[in-house]
Amino acid sequence: MVKTFVNCVKIELNFANGLVYYYLVAINVAHDATKFSHLQAQAS
């Protein structure tokens, strides 16, 4: 019973870590995209 609960908590934590990781990646991609579009706007 306890072991199952611990495994569930571990899965939840892994899931949360994955969400945070993808969230940070998405922010970085969005930031790079805005920077890139600014550079393109200046170039044209």
N, C-alpha and C. Protein backbone atom coordinates (compact mmCIF):
# COMPACT_ATOMS: atom_id res chain seq x y z
N MET A 1 0.84 -1.20 0.00
CA MET A 1 0.00 0.00 0.00
C MET A 1 0.88 1.26 0.00
N VAL A 2 1.80 1.32 0.97
CA VAL A 2 2.68 2.48 1.07
C VAL A 2 3.58 2.57 -0.16
N LYS A 3 4.07 1.42 -0.61
CA LYS A 3 4.96 1.40 -1.77
C LYS A 3 4.26 1.96 -3.00
N THR A 4 2.99 1.58 -3.19
CA THR A 4 2.22 2.08 -4.31
C THR A 4 2.08 3.59 -4.23
N PHE A 5 1.82 4.08 -3.01
CA PHE A 5 1.67 5.51 -2.80
C PHE A 5 2.96 6.24 -3.15
N VAL A 6 4.09 5.69 -2.69
CA VAL A 6 5.40 6.30 -2.96
C VAL A 6 5.65 6.34 -4.46
N ASN A 7 5.34 5.24 -5.15
CA ASN A 7 5.53 5.21 -6.60
C ASN A 7 4.68 6.26 -7.28
N CYS A 8 3.44 6.44 -6.81
CA CYS A 8 2.56 7.46 -7.39
C CYS A 8 3.15 8.85 -7.19
N VAL A 9 3.68 9.09 -5.99
CA VAL A 9 4.29 10.40 -5.71
C VAL A 9 5.49 10.63 -6.62
N LYS A 10 6.30 9.59 -6.81
CA LYS A 10 7.47 9.71 -7.69
C LYS A 10 7.03 10.06 -9.11
N ILE A 11 5.98 9.39 -9.58
CA ILE A 11 5.48 9.65 -10.94
C ILE A 11 4.97 11.09 -11.03
N GLU A 12 4.25 11.52 -10.00
CA GLU A 12 3.75 12.90 -9.98
C GLU A 12 4.90 13.89 -10.05
N LEU A 13 5.95 13.65 -9.28
CA LEU A 13 7.10 14.55 -9.26
C LEU A 13 7.80 14.57 -10.62
N ASN A 14 7.97 13.39 -11.22
CA ASN A 14 8.58 13.32 -12.54
C ASN A 14 7.75 14.10 -13.55
N PHE A 15 6.43 13.94 -13.44
CA PHE A 15 5.52 14.64 -14.34
C PHE A 15 5.65 16.15 -14.17
N ALA A 16 5.71 16.59 -12.91
CA ALA A 16 5.85 18.02 -12.62
C ALA A 16 7.17 18.54 -13.16
N ASN A 17 8.25 17.78 -12.97
CA ASN A 17 9.55 18.19 -13.49
C ASN A 17 9.51 18.31 -15.01
N GLY A 18 8.84 17.37 -15.65
CA GLY A 18 8.71 17.41 -17.10
C GLY A 18 7.96 18.65 -17.55
N LEU A 19 6.88 18.99 -16.85
CA LEU A 19 6.10 20.18 -17.21
C LEU A 19 6.94 21.43 -17.06
N VAL A 20 7.68 21.53 -15.96
CA VAL A 20 8.53 22.70 -15.73
C VAL A 20 9.58 22.80 -16.84
N TYR A 21 10.18 21.65 -17.19
CA TYR A 21 11.20 21.64 -18.23
C TYR A 21 10.64 22.12 -19.56
N TYR A 22 9.47 21.58 -19.96
CA TYR A 22 8.87 22.00 -21.22
C TYR A 22 8.45 23.46 -21.18
N TYR A 23 7.99 23.92 -20.01
CA TYR A 23 7.60 25.32 -19.82
C TYR A 23 8.81 26.23 -20.06
N LEU A 24 9.96 25.87 -19.48
CA LEU A 24 11.17 26.67 -19.65
C LEU A 24 11.64 26.63 -21.10
N VAL A 25 11.58 25.47 -21.72
CA VAL A 25 11.97 25.36 -23.12
C VAL A 25 11.08 26.24 -23.99
N ALA A 26 9.77 26.21 -23.71
CA ALA A 26 8.83 27.01 -24.49
C ALA A 26 9.13 28.49 -24.34
N ILE A 27 9.46 28.93 -23.12
CA ILE A 27 9.81 30.33 -22.89
C ILE A 27 11.05 30.70 -23.69
N ASN A 28 12.07 29.83 -23.65
CA ASN A 28 13.31 30.10 -24.39
C ASN A 28 13.05 30.19 -25.88
N VAL A 29 12.23 29.27 -26.40
CA VAL A 29 11.92 29.28 -27.84
C VAL A 29 11.17 30.56 -28.20
N ALA A 30 10.20 30.92 -27.38
CA ALA A 30 9.43 32.14 -27.64
C ALA A 30 10.34 33.36 -27.60
N HIS A 31 11.26 33.37 -26.65
CA HIS A 31 12.19 34.50 -26.51
C HIS A 31 13.08 34.59 -27.74
N ASP A 32 13.61 33.45 -28.19
CA ASP A 32 14.45 33.43 -29.38
C ASP A 32 13.65 33.87 -30.61
N ALA A 33 12.40 33.45 -30.69
CA ALA A 33 11.57 33.79 -31.84
C ALA A 33 11.33 35.30 -31.89
N THR A 34 11.06 35.90 -30.74
CA THR A 34 10.82 37.35 -30.73
C THR A 34 12.11 38.09 -31.08
N LYS A 35 13.24 37.59 -30.58
CA LYS A 35 14.52 38.22 -30.88
C LYS A 35 14.78 38.13 -32.39
N PHE A 36 14.51 36.96 -32.95
CA PHE A 36 14.74 36.72 -34.37
C PHE A 36 13.85 37.63 -35.22
N SER A 37 12.58 37.76 -34.84
CA SER A 37 11.68 38.61 -35.62
C SER A 37 12.09 40.08 -35.51
N HIS A 38 12.62 40.48 -34.36
CA HIS A 38 13.12 41.85 -34.23
C HIS A 38 14.30 42.09 -35.16
N LEU A 39 15.20 41.08 -35.23
CA LEU A 39 16.36 41.20 -36.11
C LEU A 39 15.91 41.29 -37.57
N GLN A 40 14.93 40.47 -37.93
CA GLN A 40 14.41 40.49 -39.30
C GLN A 40 13.78 41.83 -39.60
N ALA A 41 13.04 42.38 -38.65
CA ALA A 41 12.37 43.66 -38.85
C ALA A 41 13.42 44.76 -39.05
N GLN A 42 14.52 44.69 -38.32
CA GLN A 42 15.58 45.69 -38.48
C GLN A 42 16.28 45.53 -39.83
N ALA A 43 16.44 44.28 -40.27
CA ALA A 43 17.17 44.02 -41.50
C ALA A 43 16.37 44.50 -42.72
N SER A 44 15.06 44.36 -42.69
CA SER A 44 14.26 44.70 -43.85
C SER A 44 14.06 46.21 -43.98
